[in-house]
C-alpha atoms as a PDB file:
ATOM      1  CA  MET A   1      -5.501  -4.214   4.264  1.00  0.00           C
ATOM      2  CA  LYS A   2      -8.480  -2.289   2.952  1.00  0.00           C
ATOM      3  CA  LYS A   3     -12.060  -2.785   4.100  1.00  0.00           C
ATOM      4  CA  TYR A   4     -15.035  -1.494   2.123  1.00  0.00           C
ATOM      5  CA  ASN A   5     -18.670  -1.115   3.129  1.00  0.00           C
ATOM      6  CA  LYS A   6     -21.527  -2.755   1.225  1.00  0.00           C
ATOM      7  CA  ASN A   7     -21.704   0.270  -1.113  1.00  0.00           C
ATOM      8  CA  GLY A   8     -18.042  -0.133  -2.103  1.00  0.00           C
ATOM      9  CA  ARG A   9     -16.856   2.898  -0.123  1.00  0.00           C
ATOM     10  CA  LEU A  10     -13.524   2.618   1.667  1.00  0.00           C
ATOM     11  CA  GLU A  11     -14.089   2.274   5.421  1.00  0.00           C
ATOM     12  CA  SER A  12     -10.642   1.482   6.795  1.00  0.00           C
ATOM     13  CA  VAL A  13      -7.034   0.791   5.907  1.00  0.00           C
ATOM     14  CA  ILE A  14      -4.760  -1.179   8.217  1.00  0.00           C
ATOM     15  CA  CYS A  15      -1.016  -1.480   7.671  1.00  0.00           C
ATOM     16  CA  ASN A  16      -0.276  -5.131   6.933  1.00  0.00           C
ATOM     17  CA  ASN A  17       3.144  -4.805   8.594  1.00  0.00           C
ATOM     18  CA  CYS A  18       2.575  -3.038  11.929  1.00  0.00           C
ATOM     19  CA  GLY A  19      -1.221  -3.184  12.227  1.00  0.00           C
ATOM     20  CA  LYS A  20      -1.679   0.591  12.488  1.00  0.00           C
ATOM     21  CA  LYS A  21      -5.163   1.769  11.549  1.00  0.00           C
ATOM     22  CA  LEU A  22      -4.791   4.659   9.112  1.00  0.00           C
ATOM     23  CA  ALA A  23      -7.072   7.708   9.125  1.00  0.00           C
ATOM     24  CA  VAL A  24      -9.907   7.392   6.598  1.00  0.00           C
ATOM     25  CA  GLU A  25     -12.498  10.151   6.203  1.00  0.00           C
ATOM     26  CA  GLN A  26     -15.366  10.009   3.720  1.00  0.00           C
ATOM     27  CA  GLY A  27     -13.717   7.120   1.871  1.00  0.00           C
ATOM     28  CA  ILE A  28     -10.335   8.875   1.501  1.00  0.00           C
ATOM     29  CA  VAL A  29      -7.087   7.854   3.234  1.00  0.00           C
ATOM     30  CA  ARG A  30      -5.913  10.952   5.124  1.00  0.00           C
ATOM     31  CA  GLU A  31      -2.291   9.991   5.764  1.00  0.00           C
ATOM     32  CA  GLY A  32       0.651   8.503   3.916  1.00  0.00           C
ATOM     33  CA  ALA A  33       0.060   4.949   2.727  1.00  0.00           C
ATOM     34  CA  MET A  34       1.221   2.620  -0.013  1.00  0.00           C
ATOM     35  CA  SER A  35      -1.051   0.019  -1.613  1.00  0.00           C
ATOM     36  CA  VAL A  36       0.337  -2.920  -3.564  1.00  0.00           C
ATOM     37  CA  ASP A  37      -1.675  -5.147  -5.904  1.00  0.00           C
ATOM     38  CA  HIS A  38       0.672  -7.578  -7.607  1.00  0.00           C
ATOM     39  CA  VAL A  39      -0.172 -10.361 -10.067  1.00  0.00           C
ATOM     40  CA  TRP A  40       2.445 -13.120  -9.959  1.00  0.00           C
ATOM     41  CA  ASP A  41       3.272 -14.663 -13.321  1.00  0.00           C
ATOM     42  CA  TYR A  42       4.559 -17.862 -14.906  1.00  0.00           C
ATOM     43  CA  PHE A  43       8.149 -17.748 -13.721  1.00  0.00           C
ATOM     44  CA  SER A  44       7.399 -17.424 -10.013  1.00  0.00           C
ATOM     45  CA  GLU A  45       6.446 -19.939  -7.346  1.00  0.00           C
ATOM     46  CA  LYS A  46       3.227 -17.917  -6.906  1.00  0.00           C
ATOM     47  CA  ASP A  47       1.958 -18.205 -10.483  1.00  0.00           C
ATOM     48  CA  GLY A  48      -1.733 -17.349 -10.664  1.00  0.00           C
ATOM     49  CA  GLN A  49      -1.825 -15.570  -7.290  1.00  0.00           C
ATOM     50  CA  ILE A  50      -2.667 -11.906  -6.753  1.00  0.00           C
ATOM     51  CA  HIS A  51      -1.262 -10.341  -3.587  1.00  0.00           C
ATOM     52  CA  HIS A  52      -2.774  -7.203  -2.030  1.00  0.00           C
ATOM     53  CA  PHE A  53      -1.295  -5.309   0.907  1.00  0.00           C
ATOM     54  CA  ASP A  54      -1.035  -1.830   2.388  1.00  0.00           C
ATOM     55  CA  LEU A  55       1.800  -0.175   4.301  1.00  0.00           C
ATOM     56  CA  CYS A  56       1.786   2.953   6.421  1.00  0.00           C
ATOM     57  CA  GLU A  57       4.411   5.532   5.498  1.00  0.00           C
ATOM     58  CA  GLU A  58       6.605   4.612   8.464  1.00  0.00           C
ATOM     59  CA  CYS A  59       6.730   0.910   7.509  1.00  0.00           C
ATOM     60  CA  TYR A  60       7.399   1.848   3.884  1.00  0.00           C
ATOM     61  CA  ASP A  61      10.360   3.985   4.973  1.00  0.00           C
ATOM     62  CA  ILE A  62      11.760   1.112   7.062  1.00  0.00           C
ATOM     63  CA  LEU A  63      11.323  -1.339   4.174  1.00  0.00           C
ATOM     64  CA  ILE A  64      13.071   0.804   1.569  1.00  0.00           C
ATOM     65  CA  GLY A  65      15.792   1.698   4.072  1.00  0.00           C
ATOM     66  CA  GLU A  66      16.916  -1.946   3.825  1.00  0.00           C
ATOM     67  CA  PHE A  67      17.239  -1.929   0.009  1.00  0.00           C
ATOM     68  CA  LYS A  68      20.738  -2.431  -1.403  1.00  0.00           C
ATOM     69  CA  ILE A  69      19.787  -0.224  -4.361  1.00  0.00           C
ATOM     70  CA  PRO A  70      17.910   2.915  -3.263  1.00  0.00           C
ATOM     71  CA  VAL A  71      14.454   3.750  -4.554  1.00  0.00           C
ATOM     72  CA  ASP A  72      14.506   6.078  -7.555  1.00  0.00           C
ATOM     73  CA  ILE A  73      12.659   9.208  -6.398  1.00  0.00           C
ATOM     74  CA  GLU A  74      11.495  12.060  -8.614  1.00  0.00           C
ATOM     75  CA  GLU A  75       9.465  15.130  -7.765  1.00  0.00           C
ATOM     76  CA  GLN A  76       5.951  15.378  -9.142  1.00  0.00           C
ATOM     77  CA  VAL A  77       5.650  18.617 -11.078  1.00  0.00           C
ATOM     78  CA  GLU A  78       1.897  18.994 -11.008  1.00  0.00           C
ATOM     79  CA  LEU A  79      -0.243  17.909  -8.063  1.00  0.00           C
ATOM     80  CA  LEU A  80      -3.830  17.055  -8.850  1.00  0.00           C
END
């Protein structure tokens, strides 16, 4: 869960799963995190809803460790 100040600058990120407060410095997350913003569509029970959540890297690893089909991982060639 992200929190922004009145100027729109990121102040904090809290893992929605475990509640860990992630390191944020000068509006930048300084550790591994995953943010999800998903718009549910017509064929779901959540049609018209937008869900937002954040996971720390540890909770992400636990989540994907339970998948029956592993995550497809590729190496990024160029880091910006």
